[in-house]
Amino acid sequence: MKRSAKFTSLAMALCLSLPAFGISLNEAKNELDSVKQQGQVGETPTGYLDVVDSDGRAREIVDAINEARRQEYTRIAQKHDIPVTQVETVAGEKAIEKTPSGQFVLIEGQWVKK
């Protein structure tokens, strides 16, 4: 009986904590362009997104996309036997370069509308 009670408690705890996991990567990808165009999210020189002006789900979107980027940067770094920071820096430069005008990028610690 004790084992059943522990299992039930664990299952309930997991169910209650599911919203804390945020949104799925696919949901984040689908919403990314919109939050970037609205000025809520911008690219940084570190290769990751950050929140410019938090509104709605911006933080959840940033967290989901950044986790996927972190995994990909790690994979690339391991494949080429280079530091992850090197991959992050190159990715950040490319992301800032590719950012369309009207969207935000982080330059020398300041958000700048490109």
PDB file of N, CA and C in Angstrom:
ATOM      1  N   MET A   1       0.816  -1.195   0.000  1.00  0.00           N
ATOM      2  CA  MET A   1       0.000   0.000   0.000  1.00  0.00           C
ATOM      3  C   MET A   1       0.865   1.267   0.000  1.00  0.00           C
ATOM      4  N   LYS A   2       1.955   1.246   0.770  1.00  0.00           N
ATOM      5  CA  LYS A   2       2.842   2.403   0.818  1.00  0.00           C
ATOM      6  C   LYS A   2       3.410   2.702  -0.562  1.00  0.00           C
ATOM      7  N   ARG A   3       3.751   1.650  -1.301  1.00  0.00           N
ATOM      8  CA  ARG A   3       4.330   1.811  -2.630  1.00  0.00           C
ATOM      9  C   ARG A   3       3.319   2.481  -3.574  1.00  0.00           C
ATOM     10  N   SER A   4       2.074   2.075  -3.475  1.00  0.00           N
ATOM     11  CA  SER A   4       1.006   2.645  -4.296  1.00  0.00           C
ATOM     12  C   SER A   4       0.804   4.122  -3.971  1.00  0.00           C
ATOM     13  N   ALA A   5       0.852   4.449  -2.705  1.00  0.00           N
ATOM     14  CA  ALA A   5       0.682   5.842  -2.287  1.00  0.00           C
ATOM     15  C   ALA A   5       1.830   6.706  -2.795  1.00  0.00           C
ATOM     16  N   LYS A   6       3.049   6.182  -2.741  1.00  0.00           N
ATOM     17  CA  LYS A   6       4.204   6.929  -3.244  1.00  0.00           C
ATOM     18  C   LYS A   6       4.074   7.154  -4.741  1.00  0.00           C
ATOM     19  N   PHE A   7       3.669   6.119  -5.469  1.00  0.00           N
ATOM     20  CA  PHE A   7       3.507   6.229  -6.913  1.00  0.00           C
ATOM     21  C   PHE A   7       2.442   7.270  -7.255  1.00  0.00           C
ATOM     22  N   THR A   8       1.325   7.241  -6.539  1.00  0.00           N
ATOM     23  CA  THR A   8       0.248   8.197  -6.770  1.00  0.00           C
ATOM     24  C   THR A   8       0.725   9.616  -6.494  1.00  0.00           C
ATOM     25  N   SER A   9       1.454   9.798  -5.411  1.00  0.00           N
ATOM     26  CA  SER A   9       1.985  11.122  -5.080  1.00  0.00           C
ATOM     27  C   SER A   9       2.945  11.617  -6.149  1.00  0.00           C
ATOM     28  N   LEU A  10       3.797  10.731  -6.626  1.00  0.00           N
ATOM     29  CA  LEU A  10       4.743  11.098  -7.680  1.00  0.00           C
ATOM     30  C   LEU A  10       4.007  11.464  -8.952  1.00  0.00           C
ATOM     31  N   ALA A  11       3.017  10.672  -9.337  1.00  0.00           N
ATOM     32  CA  ALA A  11       2.249  10.943 -10.546  1.00  0.00           C
ATOM     33  C   ALA A  11       1.536  12.287 -10.455  1.00  0.00           C
ATOM     34  N   MET A  12       0.948  12.580  -9.294  1.00  0.00           N
ATOM     35  CA  MET A  12       0.263  13.858  -9.104  1.00  0.00           C
ATOM     36  C   MET A  12       1.245  15.017  -9.168  1.00  0.00           C
ATOM     37  N   ALA A  13       2.393  14.851  -8.565  1.00  0.00           N
ATOM     38  CA  ALA A  13       3.406  15.910  -8.595  1.00  0.00           C
ATOM     39  C   ALA A  13       3.851  16.193 -10.019  1.00  0.00           C
ATOM     40  N   LEU A  14       4.050  15.161 -10.804  1.00  0.00           N
ATOM     41  CA  LEU A  14       4.451  15.341 -12.199  1.00  0.00           C
ATOM     42  C   LEU A  14       3.371  16.048 -12.989  1.00  0.00           C
ATOM     43  N   CYS A  15       2.142  15.668 -12.809  1.00  0.00           N
ATOM     44  CA  CYS A  15       1.035  16.300 -13.519  1.00  0.00           C
ATOM     45  C   CYS A  15       0.918  17.776 -13.164  1.00  0.00           C
ATOM     46  N   LEU A  16       1.076  18.087 -11.889  1.00  0.00           N
ATOM     47  CA  LEU A  16       0.975  19.474 -11.461  1.00  0.00           C
ATOM     48  C   LEU A  16       2.140  20.315 -11.952  1.00  0.00           C
ATOM     49  N   SER A  17       3.281  19.685 -12.195  1.00  0.00           N
ATOM     50  CA  SER A  17       4.454  20.458 -12.610  1.00  0.00           C
ATOM     51  C   SER A  17       4.570  20.572 -14.118  1.00  0.00           C
ATOM     52  N   LEU A  18       3.719  19.902 -14.882  1.00  0.00           N
ATOM     53  CA  LEU A  18       3.821  19.958 -16.337  1.00  0.00           C
ATOM     54  C   LEU A  18       3.791  21.369 -16.904  1.00  0.00           C
ATOM     55  N   PRO A  19       2.911  22.260 -16.456  1.00  0.00           N
ATOM     56  CA  PRO A  19       2.925  23.609 -17.012  1.00  0.00           C
ATOM     57  C   PRO A  19       4.259  24.312 -16.823  1.00  0.00           C
ATOM     58  N   ALA A  20       5.022  23.940 -15.816  1.00  0.00           N
ATOM     59  CA  ALA A  20       6.318  24.576 -15.569  1.00  0.00           C
ATOM     60  C   ALA A  20       7.330  24.247 -16.663  1.00  0.00           C
ATOM     61  N   PHE A  21       7.070  23.190 -17.421  1.00  0.00           N
ATOM     62  CA  PHE A  21       7.996  22.835 -18.487  1.00  0.00           C
ATOM     63  C   PHE A  21       7.893  23.772 -19.672  1.00  0.00           C
ATOM     64  N   GLY A  22       6.891  24.636 -19.709  1.00  0.00           N
ATOM     65  CA  GLY A  22       6.757  25.601 -20.780  1.00  0.00           C
ATOM     66  C   GLY A  22       6.125  25.011 -22.023  1.00  0.00           C
ATOM     67  N   ILE A  23       6.402  25.655 -23.145  1.00  0.00           N
ATOM     68  CA  ILE A  23       5.797  25.253 -24.404  1.00  0.00           C
ATOM     69  C   ILE A  23       6.730  24.322 -25.169  1.00  0.00           C
ATOM     70  N   SER A  24       6.179  23.663 -26.150  1.00  0.00           N
ATOM     71  CA  SER A  24       6.987  22.756 -26.959  1.00  0.00           C
ATOM     72  C   SER A  24       7.859  23.558 -27.918  1.00  0.00           C
ATOM     73  N   LEU A  25       8.873  22.908 -28.432  1.00  0.00           N
ATOM     74  CA  LEU A  25       9.769  23.551 -29.388  1.00  0.00           C
ATOM     75  C   LEU A  25       8.999  23.964 -30.640  1.00  0.00           C
ATOM     76  N   ASN A  26       8.107  23.116 -31.110  1.00  0.00           N
ATOM     77  CA  ASN A  26       7.326  23.455 -32.308  1.00  0.00           C
ATOM     78  C   ASN A  26       6.464  24.685 -32.080  1.00  0.00           C
ATOM     79  N   GLU A  27       5.830  24.779 -30.910  1.00  0.00           N
ATOM     80  CA  GLU A  27       5.029  25.963 -30.588  1.00  0.00           C
ATOM     81  C   GLU A  27       5.917  27.204 -30.559  1.00  0.00           C
ATOM     82  N   ALA A  28       7.090  27.078 -29.958  1.00  0.00           N
ATOM     83  CA  ALA A  28       8.020  28.207 -29.865  1.00  0.00           C
ATOM     84  C   ALA A  28       8.468  28.650 -31.262  1.00  0.00           C
ATOM     85  N   LYS A  29       8.796  27.691 -32.115  1.00  0.00           N
ATOM     86  CA  LYS A  29       9.206  28.024 -33.481  1.00  0.00           C
ATOM     87  C   LYS A  29       8.090  28.750 -34.221  1.00  0.00           C
ATOM     88  N   ASN A  30       6.864  28.290 -34.035  1.00  0.00           N
ATOM     89  CA  ASN A  30       5.722  28.902 -34.718  1.00  0.00           C
ATOM     90  C   ASN A  30       5.466  30.335 -34.262  1.00  0.00           C
ATOM     91  N   GLU A  31       5.823  30.641 -33.029  1.00  0.00           N
ATOM     92  CA  GLU A  31       5.559  31.970 -32.478  1.00  0.00           C
ATOM     93  C   GLU A  31       6.764  32.906 -32.527  1.00  0.00           C
ATOM     94  N   LEU A  32       7.929  32.383 -32.870  1.00  0.00           N
ATOM     95  CA  LEU A  32       9.164  33.170 -32.788  1.00  0.00           C
ATOM     96  C   LEU A  32       9.136  34.410 -33.679  1.00  0.00           C
ATOM     97  N   ASP A  33       8.788  34.262 -34.938  1.00  0.00           N
ATOM     98  CA  ASP A  33       8.774  35.421 -35.833  1.00  0.00           C
ATOM     99  C   ASP A  33       7.860  36.521 -35.311  1.00  0.00           C
ATOM    100  N   SER A  34       6.719  36.121 -34.810  1.00  0.00           N
ATOM    101  CA  SER A  34       5.758  37.093 -34.306  1.00  0.00           C
ATOM    102  C   SER A  34       6.313  37.895 -33.131  1.00  0.00           C
ATOM    103  N   VAL A  35       6.903  37.218 -32.154  1.00  0.00           N
ATOM    104  CA  VAL A  35       7.421  37.948 -30.990  1.00  0.00           C
ATOM    105  C   VAL A  35       8.650  38.782 -31.353  1.00  0.00           C
ATOM    106  N   LYS A  36       9.402  38.334 -32.353  1.00  0.00           N
ATOM    107  CA  LYS A  36      10.535  39.156 -32.815  1.00  0.00           C
ATOM    108  C   LYS A  36      10.020  40.426 -33.492  1.00  0.00           C
ATOM    109  N   GLN A  37       9.007  40.283 -34.343  1.00  0.00           N
ATOM    110  CA  GLN A  37       8.440  41.437 -35.049  1.00  0.00           C
ATOM    111  C   GLN A  37       7.768  42.413 -34.094  1.00  0.00           C
ATOM    112  N   GLN A  38       7.253  41.890 -32.993  1.00  0.00           N
ATOM    113  CA  GLN A  38       6.605  42.741 -31.989  1.00  0.00           C
ATOM    114  C   GLN A  38       7.612  43.402 -31.051  1.00  0.00           C
ATOM    115  N   GLY A  39       8.898  43.078 -31.211  1.00  0.00           N
ATOM    116  CA  GLY A  39       9.936  43.689 -30.383  1.00  0.00           C
ATOM    117  C   GLY A  39      10.044  43.088 -28.994  1.00  0.00           C
ATOM    118  N   GLN A  40       9.497  41.895 -28.802  1.00  0.00           N
ATOM    119  CA  GLN A  40       9.554  41.256 -27.493  1.00  0.00           C
ATOM    120  C   GLN A  40      10.815  40.428 -27.300  1.00  0.00           C
ATOM    121  N   VAL A  41      11.406  39.955 -28.404  1.00  0.00           N
ATOM    122  CA  VAL A  41      12.543  39.044 -28.363  1.00  0.00           C
ATOM    123  C   VAL A  41      13.587  39.512 -29.370  1.00  0.00           C
ATOM    124  N   GLY A  42      14.858  39.361 -29.010  1.00  0.00           N
ATOM    125  CA  GLY A  42      15.933  39.741 -29.921  1.00  0.00           C
ATOM    126  C   GLY A  42      17.089  38.766 -29.863  1.00  0.00           C
ATOM    127  N   GLU A  43      17.977  38.891 -30.849  1.00  0.00           N
ATOM    128  CA  GLU A  43      19.175  38.048 -30.949  1.00  0.00           C
ATOM    129  C   GLU A  43      20.316  38.685 -30.166  1.00  0.00           C
ATOM    130  N   THR A  44      21.170  37.837 -29.613  1.00  0.00           N
ATOM    131  CA  THR A  44      22.320  38.320 -28.854  1.00  0.00           C
ATOM    132  C   THR A  44      23.616  37.797 -29.480  1.00  0.00           C
ATOM    133  N   PRO A  45      24.758  38.420 -29.174  1.00  0.00           N
ATOM    134  CA  PRO A  45      26.041  37.969 -29.717  1.00  0.00           C
ATOM    135  C   PRO A  45      26.476  36.599 -29.191  1.00  0.00           C
ATOM    136  N   THR A  46      25.784  36.092 -28.181  1.00  0.00           N
ATOM    137  CA  THR A  46      26.147  34.787 -27.623  1.00  0.00           C
ATOM    138  C   THR A  46      25.490  33.632 -28.368  1.00  0.00           C
ATOM    139  N   GLY A  47      24.699  33.949 -29.392  1.00  0.00           N
ATOM    140  CA  GLY A  47      24.044  32.899 -30.170  1.00  0.00           C
ATOM    141  C   GLY A  47      22.694  32.491 -29.619  1.00  0.00           C
ATOM    142  N   TYR A  48      22.231  33.203 -28.627  1.00  0.00           N
ATOM    143  CA  TYR A  48      20.955  32.879 -28.017  1.00  0.00           C
ATOM    144  C   TYR A  48      20.007  34.060 -28.103  1.00  0.00           C
ATOM    145  N   LEU A  49      18.734  33.772 -27.929  1.00  0.00           N
ATOM    146  CA  LEU A  49      17.714  34.809 -27.874  1.00  0.00           C
ATOM    147  C   LEU A  49      17.623  35.342 -26.449  1.00  0.00           C
ATOM    148  N   ASP A  50      17.051  36.532 -26.327  1.00  0.00           N
ATOM    149  CA  ASP A  50      16.732  37.043 -25.000  1.00  0.00           C
ATOM    150  C   ASP A  50      15.483  37.898 -25.116  1.00  0.00           C
ATOM    151  N   VAL A  51      14.852  38.132 -23.987  1.00  0.00           N
ATOM    152  CA  VAL A  51      13.636  38.929 -23.947  1.00  0.00           C
ATOM    153  C   VAL A  51      14.012  40.402 -23.926  1.00  0.00           C
ATOM    154  N   VAL A  52      13.436  41.161 -24.857  1.00  0.00           N
ATOM    155  CA  VAL A  52      13.643  42.603 -24.926  1.00  0.00           C
ATOM    156  C   VAL A  52      12.598  43.290 -24.063  1.00  0.00           C
ATOM    157  N   ASP A  53      11.343  42.929 -24.291  1.00  0.00           N
ATOM    158  CA  ASP A  53      10.221  43.503 -23.567  1.00  0.00           C
ATOM    159  C   ASP A  53       9.233  42.382 -23.303  1.00  0.00           C
ATOM    160  N   SER A  54       9.219  41.906 -22.091  1.00  0.00           N
ATOM    161  CA  SER A  54       8.430  40.722 -21.758  1.00  0.00           C
ATOM    162  C   SER A  54       6.938  40.998 -21.832  1.00  0.00           C
ATOM    163  N   ASP A  55       6.276  40.158 -22.594  1.00  0.00           N
ATOM    164  CA  ASP A  55       4.835  40.222 -22.706  1.00  0.00           C
ATOM    165  C   ASP A  55       4.350  38.841 -23.120  1.00  0.00           C
ATOM    166  N   GLY A  56       3.391  38.347 -22.420  1.00  0.00           N
ATOM    167  CA  GLY A  56       2.847  37.045 -22.796  1.00  0.00           C
ATOM    168  C   GLY A  56       3.845  35.921 -22.633  1.00  0.00           C
ATOM    169  N   ARG A  57       4.045  35.175 -23.714  1.00  0.00           N
ATOM    170  CA  ARG A  57       4.845  33.955 -23.657  1.00  0.00           C
ATOM    171  C   ARG A  57       6.285  34.157 -24.130  1.00  0.00           C
ATOM    172  N   ALA A  58       6.746  35.367 -24.200  1.00  0.00           N
ATOM    173  CA  ALA A  58       8.090  35.632 -24.716  1.00  0.00           C
ATOM    174  C   ALA A  58       9.165  34.812 -24.006  1.00  0.00           C
ATOM    175  N   ARG A  59       9.137  34.771 -22.691  1.00  0.00           N
ATOM    176  CA  ARG A  59      10.160  34.040 -21.928  1.00  0.00           C
ATOM    177  C   ARG A  59      10.100  32.550 -22.238  1.00  0.00           C
ATOM    178  N   GLU A  60       8.897  31.993 -22.340  1.00  0.00           N
ATOM    179  CA  GLU A  60       8.757  30.568 -22.656  1.00  0.00           C
ATOM    180  C   GLU A  60       9.314  30.253 -24.043  1.00  0.00           C
ATOM    181  N   ILE A  61       9.052  31.129 -24.984  1.00  0.00           N
ATOM    182  CA  ILE A  61       9.544  30.943 -26.356  1.00  0.00           C
ATOM    183  C   ILE A  61      11.064  30.991 -26.362  1.00  0.00           C
ATOM    184  N   VAL A  62      11.629  31.992 -25.712  1.00  0.00           N
ATOM    185  CA  VAL A  62      13.087  32.139 -25.622  1.00  0.00           C
ATOM    186  C   VAL A  62      13.712  30.899 -24.979  1.00  0.00           C
ATOM    187  N   ASP A  63      13.151  30.442 -23.891  1.00  0.00           N
ATOM    188  CA  ASP A  63      13.710  29.284 -23.194  1.00  0.00           C
ATOM    189  C   ASP A  63      13.686  28.025 -24.062  1.00  0.00           C
ATOM    190  N   ALA A  64      12.582  27.799 -24.758  1.00  0.00           N
ATOM    191  CA  ALA A  64      12.466  26.600 -25.607  1.00  0.00           C
ATOM    192  C   ALA A  64      13.440  26.647 -26.782  1.00  0.00           C
ATOM    193  N   ILE A  65      13.531  27.791 -27.450  1.00  0.00           N
ATOM    194  CA  ILE A  65      14.434  27.931 -28.592  1.00  0.00           C
ATOM    195  C   ILE A  65      15.883  27.852 -28.127  1.00  0.00           C
ATOM    196  N   ASN A  66      16.208  28.521 -27.022  1.00  0.00           N
ATOM    197  CA  ASN A  66      17.582  28.504 -26.526  1.00  0.00           C
ATOM    198  C   ASN A  66      18.037  27.103 -26.131  1.00  0.00           C
ATOM    199  N   GLU A  67      17.149  26.324 -25.561  1.00  0.00           N
ATOM    200  CA  GLU A  67      17.511  24.953 -25.193  1.00  0.00           C
ATOM    201  C   GLU A  67      17.847  24.144 -26.443  1.00  0.00           C
ATOM    202  N   ALA A  68      17.060  24.302 -27.488  1.00  0.00           N
ATOM    203  CA  ALA A  68      17.334  23.594 -28.748  1.00  0.00           C
ATOM    204  C   ALA A  68      18.649  24.079 -29.355  1.00  0.00           C
ATOM    205  N   ARG A  69      18.884  25.392 -29.309  1.00  0.00           N
ATOM    206  CA  ARG A  69      20.148  25.936 -29.830  1.00  0.00           C
ATOM    207  C   ARG A  69      21.325  25.399 -29.029  1.00  0.00           C
ATOM    208  N   ARG A  70      21.202  25.364 -27.705  1.00  0.00           N
ATOM    209  CA  ARG A  70      22.280  24.887 -26.834  1.00  0.00           C
ATOM    210  C   ARG A  70      22.656  23.445 -27.193  1.00  0.00           C
ATOM    211  N   GLN A  71      21.652  22.625 -27.419  1.00  0.00           N
ATOM    212  CA  GLN A  71      21.902  21.234 -27.790  1.00  0.00           C
ATOM    213  C   GLN A  71      22.595  21.140 -29.149  1.00  0.00           C
ATOM    214  N   GLU A  72      22.162  21.942 -30.092  1.00  0.00           N
ATOM    215  CA  GLU A  72      22.771  21.911 -31.425  1.00  0.00           C
ATOM    216  C   GLU A  72      24.199  22.453 -31.391  1.00  0.00           C
ATOM    217  N   TYR A  73      24.436  23.526 -30.663  1.00  0.00           N
ATOM    218  CA  TYR A  73      25.789  24.079 -30.549  1.00  0.00           C
ATOM    219  C   TYR A  73      26.730  23.053 -29.915  1.00  0.00           C
ATOM    220  N   THR A  74      26.234  22.351 -28.908  1.00  0.00           N
ATOM    221  CA  THR A  74      27.046  21.321 -28.253  1.00  0.00           C
ATOM    222  C   THR A  74      27.377  20.199 -29.228  1.00  0.00           C
ATOM    223  N   ARG A  75      26.402  19.784 -30.013  1.00  0.00           N
ATOM    224  CA  ARG A  75      26.614  18.726 -31.002  1.00  0.00           C
ATOM    225  C   ARG A  75      27.668  19.143 -32.028  1.00  0.00           C
ATOM    226  N   ILE A  76      27.567  20.360 -32.521  1.00  0.00           N
ATOM    227  CA  ILE A  76      28.521  20.875 -33.512  1.00  0.00           C
ATOM    228  C   ILE A  76      29.921  20.969 -32.904  1.00  0.00           C
ATOM    229  N   ALA A  77      30.000  21.483 -31.689  1.00  0.00           N
ATOM    230  CA  ALA A  77      31.297  21.628 -31.021  1.00  0.00           C
ATOM    231  C   ALA A  77      31.969  20.272 -30.832  1.00  0.00           C
ATOM    232  N   GLN A  78      31.210  19.288 -30.416  1.00  0.00           N
ATOM    233  CA  GLN A  78      31.770  17.947 -30.218  1.00  0.00           C
ATOM    234  C   GLN A  78      32.214  17.341 -31.551  1.00  0.00           C
ATOM    235  N   LYS A  79      31.426  17.541 -32.574  1.00  0.00           N
ATOM    236  CA  LYS A  79      31.745  16.990 -33.895  1.00  0.00           C
ATOM    237  C   LYS A  79      33.062  17.551 -34.428  1.00  0.00           C
ATOM    238  N   HIS A  80      33.305  18.838 -34.183  1.00  0.00           N
ATOM    239  CA  HIS A  80      34.494  19.500 -34.709  1.00  0.00           C
ATOM    240  C   HIS A  80      35.604  19.652 -33.669  1.00  0.00           C
ATOM    241  N   ASP A  81      35.363  19.120 -32.471  1.00  0.00           N
ATOM    242  CA  ASP A  81      36.334  19.180 -31.385  1.00  0.00           C
ATOM    243  C   ASP A  81      36.788  20.617 -31.107  1.00  0.00           C
ATOM    244  N   ILE A  82      35.805  21.497 -30.946  1.00  0.00           N
ATOM    245  CA  ILE A  82      36.074  22.897 -30.625  1.00  0.00           C
ATOM    246  C   ILE A  82      35.220  23.288 -29.420  1.00  0.00           C
ATOM    247  N   PRO A  83      35.571  24.383 -28.756  1.00  0.00           N
ATOM    248  CA  PRO A  83      34.778  24.814 -27.595  1.00  0.00           C
ATOM    249  C   PRO A  83      33.371  25.260 -28.021  1.00  0.00           C
ATOM    250  N   VAL A  84      32.401  24.991 -27.182  1.00  0.00           N
ATOM    251  CA  VAL A  84      31.019  25.400 -27.457  1.00  0.00           C
ATOM    252  C   VAL A  84      30.944  26.918 -27.603  1.00  0.00           C
ATOM    253  N   THR A  85      31.729  27.644 -26.819  1.00  0.00           N
ATOM    254  CA  THR A  85      31.694  29.109 -26.898  1.00  0.00           C
ATOM    255  C   THR A  85      32.067  29.613 -28.286  1.00  0.00           C
ATOM    256  N   GLN A  86      32.932  28.888 -28.969  1.00  0.00           N
ATOM    257  CA  GLN A  86      33.305  29.273 -30.333  1.00  0.00           C
ATOM    258  C   GLN A  86      32.096  29.132 -31.273  1.00  0.00           C
ATOM    259  N   VAL A  87      31.367  28.055 -31.128  1.00  0.00           N
ATOM    260  CA  VAL A  87      30.167  27.837 -31.939  1.00  0.00           C
ATOM    261  C   VAL A  87      29.120  28.896 -31.602  1.00  0.00           C
ATOM    262  N   GLU A  88      28.936  29.177 -30.321  1.00  0.00           N
ATOM    263  CA  GLU A  88      27.961  30.178 -29.894  1.00  0.00           C
ATOM    264  C   GLU A  88      28.288  31.551 -30.485  1.00  0.00           C
ATOM    265  N   THR A  89      29.557  31.926 -30.462  1.00  0.00           N
ATOM    266  CA  THR A  89      29.970  33.228 -30.971  1.00  0.00           C
ATOM    267  C   THR A  89      29.711  33.353 -32.469  1.00  0.00           C
ATOM    268  N   VAL A  90      30.072  32.336 -33.220  1.00  0.00           N
ATOM    269  CA  VAL A  90      29.836  32.362 -34.674  1.00  0.00           C
ATOM    270  C   VAL A  90      28.336  32.399 -34.957  1.00  0.00           C
ATOM    271  N   ALA A  91      27.575  31.596 -34.235  1.00  0.00           N
ATOM    272  CA  ALA A  91      26.121  31.571 -34.417  1.00  0.00           C
ATOM    273  C   ALA A  91      25.516  32.932 -34.084  1.00  0.00           C
ATOM    274  N   GLY A  92      25.999  33.564 -33.020  1.00  0.00           N
ATOM    275  CA  GLY A  92      25.510  34.884 -32.638  1.00  0.00           C
ATOM    276  C   GLY A  92      25.785  35.929 -33.704  1.00  0.00           C
ATOM    277  N   GLU A  93      26.995  35.901 -34.257  1.00  0.00           N
ATOM    278  CA  GLU A  93      27.345  36.850 -35.322  1.00  0.00           C
ATOM    279  C   GLU A  93      26.431  36.662 -36.531  1.00  0.00           C
ATOM    280  N   LYS A  94      26.221  35.407 -36.915  1.00  0.00           N
ATOM    281  CA  LYS A  94      25.361  35.120 -38.073  1.00  0.00           C
ATOM    282  C   LYS A  94      23.914  35.519 -37.813  1.00  0.00           C
ATOM    283  N   ALA A  95      23.416  35.242 -36.609  1.00  0.00           N
ATOM    284  CA  ALA A  95      22.028  35.570 -36.277  1.00  0.00           C
ATOM    285  C   ALA A  95      21.808  37.081 -36.305  1.00  0.00           C
ATOM    286  N   ILE A  96      22.754  37.831 -35.764  1.00  0.00           N
ATOM    287  CA  ILE A  96      22.641  39.292 -35.769  1.00  0.00           C
ATOM    288  C   ILE A  96      22.708  39.815 -37.197  1.00  0.00           C
ATOM    289  N   GLU A  97      23.604  39.269 -37.980  1.00  0.00           N
ATOM    290  CA  GLU A  97      23.746  39.669 -39.375  1.00  0.00           C
ATOM    291  C   GLU A  97      22.452  39.411 -40.158  1.00  0.00           C
ATOM    292  N   LYS A  98      21.808  38.275 -39.899  1.00  0.00           N
ATOM    293  CA  LYS A  98      20.599  37.879 -40.627  1.00  0.00           C
ATOM    294  C   LYS A  98      19.324  38.545 -40.110  1.00  0.00           C
ATOM    295  N   THR A  99      19.392  39.173 -38.959  1.00  0.00           N
ATOM    296  CA  THR A  99      18.196  39.784 -38.378  1.00  0.00           C
ATOM    297  C   THR A  99      17.685  40.894 -39.291  1.00  0.00           C
ATOM    298  N   PRO A 100      16.406  40.811 -39.663  1.00  0.00           N
ATOM    299  CA  PRO A 100      15.832  41.836 -40.545  1.00  0.00           C
ATOM    300  C   PRO A 100      15.735  43.190 -39.850  1.00  0.00           C
ATOM    301  N   SER A 101      15.707  44.244 -40.646  1.00  0.00           N
ATOM    302  CA  SER A 101      15.558  45.573 -40.068  1.00  0.00           C
ATOM    303  C   SER A 101      14.212  45.656 -39.359  1.00  0.00           C
ATOM    304  N   GLY A 102      14.192  46.435 -38.298  1.00  0.00           N
ATOM    305  CA  GLY A 102      12.991  46.576 -37.493  1.00  0.00           C
ATOM    306  C   GLY A 102      12.954  45.646 -36.293  1.00  0.00           C
ATOM    307  N   GLN A 103      13.852  44.658 -36.264  1.00  0.00           N
ATOM    308  CA  GLN A 103      13.915  43.740 -35.130  1.00  0.00           C
ATOM    309  C   GLN A 103      15.113  44.085 -34.252  1.00  0.00           C
ATOM    310  N   PHE A 104      15.103  43.558 -33.031  1.00  0.00           N
ATOM    311  CA  PHE A 104      16.114  43.925 -32.055  1.00  0.00           C
ATOM    312  C   PHE A 104      17.291  42.961 -31.998  1.00  0.00           C
ATOM    313  N   VAL A 105      18.476  43.568 -31.788  1.00  0.00           N
ATOM    314  CA  VAL A 105      19.711  42.819 -31.550  1.00  0.00           C
ATOM    315  C   VAL A 105      20.409  43.468 -30.360  1.00  0.00           C
ATOM    316  N   LEU A 106      21.181  42.679 -29.643  1.00  0.00           N
ATOM    317  CA  LEU A 106      21.912  43.190 -28.487  1.00  0.00           C
ATOM    318  C   LEU A 106      23.326  43.552 -28.927  1.00  0.00           C
ATOM    319  N   ILE A 107      23.653  44.831 -28.862  1.00  0.00           N
ATOM    320  CA  ILE A 107      24.969  45.332 -29.263  1.00  0.00           C
ATOM    321  C   ILE A 107      25.591  46.048 -28.069  1.00  0.00           C
ATOM    322  N   GLU A 108      26.740  45.548 -27.633  1.00  0.00           N
ATOM    323  CA  GLU A 108      27.455  46.139 -26.497  1.00  0.00           C
ATOM    324  C   GLU A 108      26.538  46.358 -25.297  1.00  0.00           C
ATOM    325  N   GLY A 109      25.704  45.366 -25.012  1.00  0.00           N
ATOM    326  CA  GLY A 109      24.845  45.402 -23.835  1.00  0.00           C
ATOM    327  C   GLY A 109      23.576  46.220 -23.979  1.00  0.00           C
ATOM    328  N   GLN A 110      23.328  46.770 -25.157  1.00  0.00           N
ATOM    329  CA  GLN A 110      22.136  47.603 -25.373  1.00  0.00           C
ATOM    330  C   GLN A 110      21.278  47.023 -26.502  1.00  0.00           C
ATOM    331  N   TRP A 111      19.971  46.996 -26.300  1.00  0.00           N
ATOM    332  CA  TRP A 111      19.076  46.563 -27.360  1.00  0.00           C
ATOM    333  C   TRP A 111      18.978  47.645 -28.418  1.00  0.00           C
ATOM    334  N   VAL A 112      19.212  47.256 -29.660  1.00  0.00           N
ATOM    335  CA  VAL A 112      19.194  48.195 -30.780  1.00  0.00           C
ATOM    336  C   VAL A 112      18.246  47.649 -31.832  1.00  0.00           C
ATOM    337  N   LYS A 113      17.378  48.540 -32.326  1.00  0.00           N
ATOM    338  CA  LYS A 113      16.482  48.157 -33.408  1.00  0.00           C
ATOM    339  C   LYS A 113      17.268  48.275 -34.705  1.00  0.00           C
ATOM    340  N   LYS A 114      17.376  47.177 -35.390  1.00  0.00           N
ATOM    341  CA  LYS A 114      18.178  47.144 -36.594  1.00  0.00           C
ATOM    342  C   LYS A 114      17.517  47.908 -37.735  1.00  0.00           C
TER     343      LYS A 114
END
